[in-house]
Amino acid sequence: MGSVAKKGLQKYLLQLQHHPLRTKAITAAVLSGISDTVSQKLSGIPKLQLRRILLKMVKDPLFVLFLVDFIL
């Protein structure tokens, strides 16, 4: 498992060097989806609201990209 994680990290860092904005947007989407899933589970919602999770995964990276484009 250690070598798989190490290879994954190396590929991630390589993508981060070559395509920083895209990699950060995808990372933001994944982390947003994970955090919303965990928060729904902790709040006791009996069934996950997949539409809500997907909307957060699309909306949050777009917001980040907009801010970066606006600032630069």
PDB file of N, CA and C in Angstrom:
ATOM      1  N   MET A   1       0.824  -1.199   0.000  1.00  0.00           N
ATOM      2  CA  MET A   1       0.000   0.000   0.000  1.00  0.00           C
ATOM      3  C   MET A   1       0.861   1.253   0.000  1.00  0.00           C
ATOM      4  N   GLY A   2       1.988   1.197   0.652  1.00  0.00           N
ATOM      5  CA  GLY A   2       2.851   2.358   0.713  1.00  0.00           C
ATOM      6  C   GLY A   2       3.365   2.775  -0.654  1.00  0.00           C
ATOM      7  N   SER A   3       3.701   1.787  -1.492  1.00  0.00           N
ATOM      8  CA  SER A   3       4.224   2.129  -2.816  1.00  0.00           C
ATOM      9  C   SER A   3       3.120   2.690  -3.713  1.00  0.00           C
ATOM     10  N   VAL A   4       1.890   2.207  -3.550  1.00  0.00           N
ATOM     11  CA  VAL A   4       0.769   2.729  -4.337  1.00  0.00           C
ATOM     12  C   VAL A   4       0.496   4.178  -3.959  1.00  0.00           C
ATOM     13  N   ALA A   5       0.509   4.462  -2.666  1.00  0.00           N
ATOM     14  CA  ALA A   5       0.285   5.830  -2.206  1.00  0.00           C
ATOM     15  C   ALA A   5       1.417   6.743  -2.660  1.00  0.00           C
ATOM     16  N   LYS A   6       2.628   6.241  -2.625  1.00  0.00           N
ATOM     17  CA  LYS A   6       3.779   7.039  -3.042  1.00  0.00           C
ATOM     18  C   LYS A   6       3.710   7.362  -4.531  1.00  0.00           C
ATOM     19  N   LYS A   7       3.336   6.371  -5.350  1.00  0.00           N
ATOM     20  CA  LYS A   7       3.190   6.600  -6.791  1.00  0.00           C
ATOM     21  C   LYS A   7       2.061   7.589  -7.059  1.00  0.00           C
ATOM     22  N   GLY A   8       0.965   7.461  -6.319  1.00  0.00           N
ATOM     23  CA  GLY A   8      -0.151   8.387  -6.481  1.00  0.00           C
ATOM     24  C   GLY A   8       0.242   9.809  -6.139  1.00  0.00           C
ATOM     25  N   LEU A   9       0.984   9.962  -5.068  1.00  0.00           N
ATOM     26  CA  LEU A   9       1.451  11.297  -4.667  1.00  0.00           C
ATOM     27  C   LEU A   9       2.403  11.872  -5.710  1.00  0.00           C
ATOM     28  N   GLN A  10       3.285  11.046  -6.254  1.00  0.00           N
ATOM     29  CA  GLN A  10       4.215  11.515  -7.280  1.00  0.00           C
ATOM     30  C   GLN A  10       3.463  11.977  -8.530  1.00  0.00           C
ATOM     31  N   LYS A  11       2.440  11.211  -8.930  1.00  0.00           N
ATOM     32  CA  LYS A  11       1.643  11.597 -10.100  1.00  0.00           C
ATOM     33  C   LYS A  11       0.879  12.885  -9.823  1.00  0.00           C
ATOM     34  N   TYR A  12       0.352  13.012  -8.609  1.00  0.00           N
ATOM     35  CA  TYR A  12      -0.378  14.230  -8.240  1.00  0.00           C
ATOM     36  C   TYR A  12       0.545  15.445  -8.295  1.00  0.00           C
ATOM     37  N   LEU A  13       1.735  15.320  -7.727  1.00  0.00           N
ATOM     38  CA  LEU A  13       2.681  16.436  -7.720  1.00  0.00           C
ATOM     39  C   LEU A  13       3.145  16.789  -9.127  1.00  0.00           C
ATOM     40  N   LEU A  14       3.288  15.784  -9.991  1.00  0.00           N
ATOM     41  CA  LEU A  14       3.655  16.045 -11.377  1.00  0.00           C
ATOM     42  C   LEU A  14       2.539  16.815 -12.083  1.00  0.00           C
ATOM     43  N   GLN A  15       1.301  16.396 -11.873  1.00  0.00           N
ATOM     44  CA  GLN A  15       0.174  17.122 -12.461  1.00  0.00           C
ATOM     45  C   GLN A  15       0.089  18.538 -11.903  1.00  0.00           C
ATOM     46  N   LEU A  16       0.379  18.683 -10.619  1.00  0.00           N
ATOM     47  CA  LEU A  16       0.353  19.999  -9.987  1.00  0.00           C
ATOM     48  C   LEU A  16       1.391  20.931 -10.612  1.00  0.00           C
ATOM     49  N   GLN A  17       2.537  20.387 -11.001  1.00  0.00           N
ATOM     50  CA  GLN A  17       3.564  21.197 -11.657  1.00  0.00           C
ATOM     51  C   GLN A  17       3.162  21.578 -13.083  1.00  0.00           C
ATOM     52  N   HIS A  18       2.594  20.623 -13.819  1.00  0.00           N
ATOM     53  CA  HIS A  18       2.269  20.858 -15.222  1.00  0.00           C
ATOM     54  C   HIS A  18       0.949  21.601 -15.416  1.00  0.00           C
ATOM     55  N   HIS A  19      -0.031  21.313 -14.587  1.00  0.00           N
ATOM     56  CA  HIS A  19      -1.374  21.905 -14.728  1.00  0.00           C
ATOM     57  C   HIS A  19      -1.876  22.334 -13.349  1.00  0.00           C
ATOM     58  N   PRO A  20      -1.316  23.385 -12.775  1.00  0.00           N
ATOM     59  CA  PRO A  20      -1.644  23.734 -11.389  1.00  0.00           C
ATOM     60  C   PRO A  20      -3.107  24.122 -11.173  1.00  0.00           C
ATOM     61  N   LEU A  21      -3.668  24.900 -12.064  1.00  0.00           N
ATOM     62  CA  LEU A  21      -5.031  25.373 -11.857  1.00  0.00           C
ATOM     63  C   LEU A  21      -6.033  24.229 -11.972  1.00  0.00           C
ATOM     64  N   ARG A  22      -5.861  23.398 -12.989  1.00  0.00           N
ATOM     65  CA  ARG A  22      -6.763  22.258 -13.176  1.00  0.00           C
ATOM     66  C   ARG A  22      -6.654  21.286 -11.999  1.00  0.00           C
ATOM     67  N   THR A  23      -5.437  21.017 -11.564  1.00  0.00           N
ATOM     68  CA  THR A  23      -5.228  20.084 -10.462  1.00  0.00           C
ATOM     69  C   THR A  23      -5.845  20.618  -9.174  1.00  0.00           C
ATOM     70  N   LYS A  24      -5.685  21.903  -8.917  1.00  0.00           N
ATOM     71  CA  LYS A  24      -6.274  22.498  -7.713  1.00  0.00           C
ATOM     72  C   LYS A  24      -7.792  22.486  -7.783  1.00  0.00           C
ATOM     73  N   ALA A  25      -8.360  22.704  -8.969  1.00  0.00           N
ATOM     74  CA  ALA A  25      -9.815  22.681  -9.117  1.00  0.00           C
ATOM     75  C   ALA A  25     -10.366  21.279  -8.860  1.00  0.00           C
ATOM     76  N   ILE A  26      -9.700  20.268  -9.395  1.00  0.00           N
ATOM     77  CA  ILE A  26     -10.140  18.887  -9.177  1.00  0.00           C
ATOM     78  C   ILE A  26      -9.984  18.511  -7.708  1.00  0.00           C
ATOM     79  N   THR A  27      -8.883  18.924  -7.096  1.00  0.00           N
ATOM     80  CA  THR A  27      -8.669  18.658  -5.678  1.00  0.00           C
ATOM     81  C   THR A  27      -9.751  19.321  -4.834  1.00  0.00           C
ATOM     82  N   ALA A  28     -10.089  20.561  -5.171  1.00  0.00           N
ATOM     83  CA  ALA A  28     -11.151  21.270  -4.442  1.00  0.00           C
ATOM     84  C   ALA A  28     -12.484  20.550  -4.582  1.00  0.00           C
ATOM     85  N   ALA A  29     -12.772  20.025  -5.780  1.00  0.00           N
ATOM     86  CA  ALA A  29     -14.027  19.309  -5.996  1.00  0.00           C
ATOM     87  C   ALA A  29     -14.088  18.035  -5.163  1.00  0.00           C
ATOM     88  N   VAL A  30     -13.009  17.284  -5.157  1.00  0.00           N
ATOM     89  CA  VAL A  30     -12.975  16.030  -4.395  1.00  0.00           C
ATOM     90  C   VAL A  30     -13.106  16.304  -2.902  1.00  0.00           C
ATOM     91  N   LEU A  31     -12.353  17.272  -2.396  1.00  0.00           N
ATOM     92  CA  LEU A  31     -12.425  17.592  -0.970  1.00  0.00           C
ATOM     93  C   LEU A  31     -13.792  18.138  -0.588  1.00  0.00           C
ATOM     94  N   SER A  32     -14.405  18.905  -1.467  1.00  0.00           N
ATOM     95  CA  SER A  32     -15.742  19.431  -1.205  1.00  0.00           C
ATOM     96  C   SER A  32     -16.763  18.301  -1.121  1.00  0.00           C
ATOM     97  N   GLY A  33     -16.662  17.350  -2.049  1.00  0.00           N
ATOM     98  CA  GLY A  33     -17.570  16.206  -2.021  1.00  0.00           C
ATOM     99  C   GLY A  33     -17.392  15.350  -0.782  1.00  0.00           C
ATOM    100  N   ILE A  34     -16.154  15.119  -0.398  1.00  0.00           N
ATOM    101  CA  ILE A  34     -15.880  14.324   0.807  1.00  0.00           C
ATOM    102  C   ILE A  34     -16.401  15.042   2.046  1.00  0.00           C
ATOM    103  N   SER A  35     -16.150  16.343   2.141  1.00  0.00           N
ATOM    104  CA  SER A  35     -16.581  17.073   3.338  1.00  0.00           C
ATOM    105  C   SER A  35     -18.101  17.124   3.440  1.00  0.00           C
ATOM    106  N   ASP A  36     -18.796  17.277   2.319  1.00  0.00           N
ATOM    107  CA  ASP A  36     -20.253  17.308   2.372  1.00  0.00           C
ATOM    108  C   ASP A  36     -20.821  15.938   2.718  1.00  0.00           C
ATOM    109  N   THR A  37     -20.214  14.883   2.195  1.00  0.00           N
ATOM    110  CA  THR A  37     -20.655  13.532   2.530  1.00  0.00           C
ATOM    111  C   THR A  37     -20.486  13.264   4.024  1.00  0.00           C
ATOM    112  N   VAL A  38     -19.339  13.627   4.569  1.00  0.00           N
ATOM    113  CA  VAL A  38     -19.086  13.423   6.001  1.00  0.00           C
ATOM    114  C   VAL A  38     -20.058  14.251   6.844  1.00  0.00           C
ATOM    115  N   SER A  39     -20.289  15.499   6.439  1.00  0.00           N
ATOM    116  CA  SER A  39     -21.199  16.346   7.222  1.00  0.00           C
ATOM    117  C   SER A  39     -22.622  15.811   7.182  1.00  0.00           C
ATOM    118  N   GLN A  40     -23.051  15.272   6.045  1.00  0.00           N
ATOM    119  CA  GLN A  40     -24.388  14.682   5.982  1.00  0.00           C
ATOM    120  C   GLN A  40     -24.488  13.462   6.880  1.00  0.00           C
ATOM    121  N   LYS A  41     -23.471  12.627   6.875  1.00  0.00           N
ATOM    122  CA  LYS A  41     -23.470  11.440   7.733  1.00  0.00           C
ATOM    123  C   LYS A  41     -23.474  11.825   9.208  1.00  0.00           C
ATOM    124  N   LEU A  42     -22.672  12.817   9.589  1.00  0.00           N
ATOM    125  CA  LEU A  42     -22.601  13.228  10.985  1.00  0.00           C
ATOM    126  C   LEU A  42     -23.879  13.907  11.462  1.00  0.00           C
ATOM    127  N   SER A  43     -24.584  14.577  10.543  1.00  0.00           N
ATOM    128  CA  SER A  43     -25.820  15.257  10.943  1.00  0.00           C
ATOM    129  C   SER A  43     -26.993  14.294  11.061  1.00  0.00           C
ATOM    130  N   GLY A  44     -26.811  13.060  10.634  1.00  0.00           N
ATOM    131  CA  GLY A  44     -27.843  12.053  10.823  1.00  0.00           C
ATOM    132  C   GLY A  44     -28.855  11.958   9.694  1.00  0.00           C
ATOM    133  N   ILE A  45     -28.555  12.505   8.536  1.00  0.00           N
ATOM    134  CA  ILE A  45     -29.460  12.379   7.394  1.00  0.00           C
ATOM    135  C   ILE A  45     -29.514  10.900   6.998  1.00  0.00           C
ATOM    136  N   PRO A  46     -30.722  10.323   6.936  1.00  0.00           N
ATOM    137  CA  PRO A  46     -30.814   8.880   6.681  1.00  0.00           C
ATOM    138  C   PRO A  46     -30.329   8.460   5.289  1.00  0.00           C
ATOM    139  N   LYS A  47     -30.524   9.307   4.295  1.00  0.00           N
ATOM    140  CA  LYS A  47     -30.094   8.978   2.941  1.00  0.00           C
ATOM    141  C   LYS A  47     -29.280  10.150   2.395  1.00  0.00           C
ATOM    142  N   LEU A  48     -28.127   9.840   1.815  1.00  0.00           N
ATOM    143  CA  LEU A  48     -27.276  10.896   1.270  1.00  0.00           C
ATOM    144  C   LEU A  48     -27.986  11.636   0.148  1.00  0.00           C
ATOM    145  N   GLN A  49     -27.834  12.944   0.137  1.00  0.00           N
ATOM    146  CA  GLN A  49     -28.401  13.780  -0.912  1.00  0.00           C
ATOM    147  C   GLN A  49     -27.340  13.947  -1.999  1.00  0.00           C
ATOM    148  N   LEU A  50     -27.365  13.023  -2.970  1.00  0.00           N
ATOM    149  CA  LEU A  50     -26.330  12.992  -4.001  1.00  0.00           C
ATOM    150  C   LEU A  50     -26.346  14.242  -4.869  1.00  0.00           C
ATOM    151  N   ARG A  51     -27.533  14.775  -5.146  1.00  0.00           N
ATOM    152  CA  ARG A  51     -27.616  15.991  -5.967  1.00  0.00           C
ATOM    153  C   ARG A  51     -26.888  17.146  -5.279  1.00  0.00           C
ATOM    154  N   ARG A  52     -27.072  17.257  -3.975  1.00  0.00           N
ATOM    155  CA  ARG A  52     -26.408  18.311  -3.199  1.00  0.00           C
ATOM    156  C   ARG A  52     -24.892  18.143  -3.255  1.00  0.00           C
ATOM    157  N   ILE A  53     -24.427  16.908  -3.122  1.00  0.00           N
ATOM    158  CA  ILE A  53     -22.985  16.633  -3.157  1.00  0.00           C
ATOM    159  C   ILE A  53     -22.409  16.998  -4.528  1.00  0.00           C
ATOM    160  N   LEU A  54     -23.091  16.566  -5.590  1.00  0.00           N
ATOM    161  CA  LEU A  54     -22.596  16.851  -6.937  1.00  0.00           C
ATOM    162  C   LEU A  54     -22.598  18.343  -7.239  1.00  0.00           C
ATOM    163  N   LEU A  55     -23.624  19.053  -6.791  1.00  0.00           N
ATOM    164  CA  LEU A  55     -23.671  20.498  -7.009  1.00  0.00           C
ATOM    165  C   LEU A  55     -22.515  21.197  -6.297  1.00  0.00           C
ATOM    166  N   LYS A  56     -22.212  20.758  -5.082  1.00  0.00           N
ATOM    167  CA  LYS A  56     -21.075  21.340  -4.360  1.00  0.00           C
ATOM    168  C   LYS A  56     -19.765  21.038  -5.075  1.00  0.00           C
ATOM    169  N   MET A  57     -19.660  19.823  -5.633  1.00  0.00           N
ATOM    170  CA  MET A  57     -18.427  19.442  -6.306  1.00  0.00           C
ATOM    171  C   MET A  57     -18.221  20.230  -7.593  1.00  0.00           C
ATOM    172  N   VAL A  58     -19.293  20.701  -8.202  1.00  0.00           N
ATOM    173  CA  VAL A  58     -19.170  21.502  -9.417  1.00  0.00           C
ATOM    174  C   VAL A  58     -19.036  22.983  -9.079  1.00  0.00           C
ATOM    175  N   LYS A  59     -19.835  23.438  -8.122  1.00  0.00           N
ATOM    176  CA  LYS A  59     -19.884  24.867  -7.795  1.00  0.00           C
ATOM    177  C   LYS A  59     -18.594  25.365  -7.143  1.00  0.00           C
ATOM    178  N   ASP A  60     -18.074  24.659  -6.189  1.00  0.00           N
ATOM    179  CA  ASP A  60     -16.907  25.140  -5.441  1.00  0.00           C
ATOM    180  C   ASP A  60     -15.662  25.345  -6.317  1.00  0.00           C
ATOM    181  N   PRO A  61     -15.286  24.384  -7.177  1.00  0.00           N
ATOM    182  CA  PRO A  61     -14.125  24.638  -8.041  1.00  0.00           C
ATOM    183  C   PRO A  61     -14.363  25.776  -9.032  1.00  0.00           C
ATOM    184  N   LEU A  62     -15.595  25.903  -9.531  1.00  0.00           N
ATOM    185  CA  LEU A  62     -15.881  27.011 -10.444  1.00  0.00           C
ATOM    186  C   LEU A  62     -15.706  28.347  -9.741  1.00  0.00           C
ATOM    187  N   PHE A  63     -16.112  28.410  -8.482  1.00  0.00           N
ATOM    188  CA  PHE A  63     -15.943  29.626  -7.698  1.00  0.00           C
ATOM    189  C   PHE A  63     -14.460  29.931  -7.514  1.00  0.00           C
ATOM    190  N   VAL A  64     -13.666  28.911  -7.231  1.00  0.00           N
ATOM    191  CA  VAL A  64     -12.219  29.095  -7.064  1.00  0.00           C
ATOM    192  C   VAL A  64     -11.597  29.579  -8.376  1.00  0.00           C
ATOM    193  N   LEU A  65     -11.992  28.953  -9.490  1.00  0.00           N
ATOM    194  CA  LEU A  65     -11.450  29.366 -10.787  1.00  0.00           C
ATOM    195  C   LEU A  65     -11.840  30.801 -11.113  1.00  0.00           C
ATOM    196  N   PHE A  66     -13.067  31.183 -10.782  1.00  0.00           N
ATOM    197  CA  PHE A  66     -13.518  32.550 -11.017  1.00  0.00           C
ATOM    198  C   PHE A  66     -12.683  33.538 -10.207  1.00  0.00           C
ATOM    199  N   LEU A  67     -12.449  33.210  -8.931  1.00  0.00           N
ATOM    200  CA  LEU A  67     -11.655  34.105  -8.097  1.00  0.00           C
ATOM    201  C   LEU A  67     -10.232  34.260  -8.604  1.00  0.00           C
ATOM    202  N   VAL A  68      -9.639  33.142  -9.002  1.00  0.00           N
ATOM    203  CA  VAL A  68      -8.267  33.198  -9.509  1.00  0.00           C
ATOM    204  C   VAL A  68      -8.211  34.005 -10.792  1.00  0.00           C
ATOM    205  N   ASP A  69      -9.165  33.801 -11.665  1.00  0.00           N
ATOM    206  CA  ASP A  69      -9.206  34.554 -12.917  1.00  0.00           C
ATOM    207  C   ASP A  69      -9.460  36.032 -12.655  1.00  0.00           C
ATOM    208  N   PHE A  70     -10.311  36.335 -11.696  1.00  0.00           N
ATOM    209  CA  PHE A  70     -10.638  37.722 -11.372  1.00  0.00           C
ATOM    210  C   PHE A  70      -9.441  38.437 -10.746  1.00  0.00           C
ATOM    211  N   ILE A  71      -8.733  37.740  -9.881  1.00  0.00           N
ATOM    212  CA  ILE A  71      -7.599  38.352  -9.177  1.00  0.00           C
ATOM    213  C   ILE A  71      -6.416  38.553 -10.125  1.00  0.00           C
ATOM    214  N   LEU A  72      -6.179  37.566 -10.995  1.00  0.00           N
ATOM    215  CA  LEU A  72      -5.047  37.668 -11.914  1.00  0.00           C
ATOM    216  C   LEU A  72      -5.446  38.520 -13.080  1.00  0.00           C
TER     217      LEU A  72
END
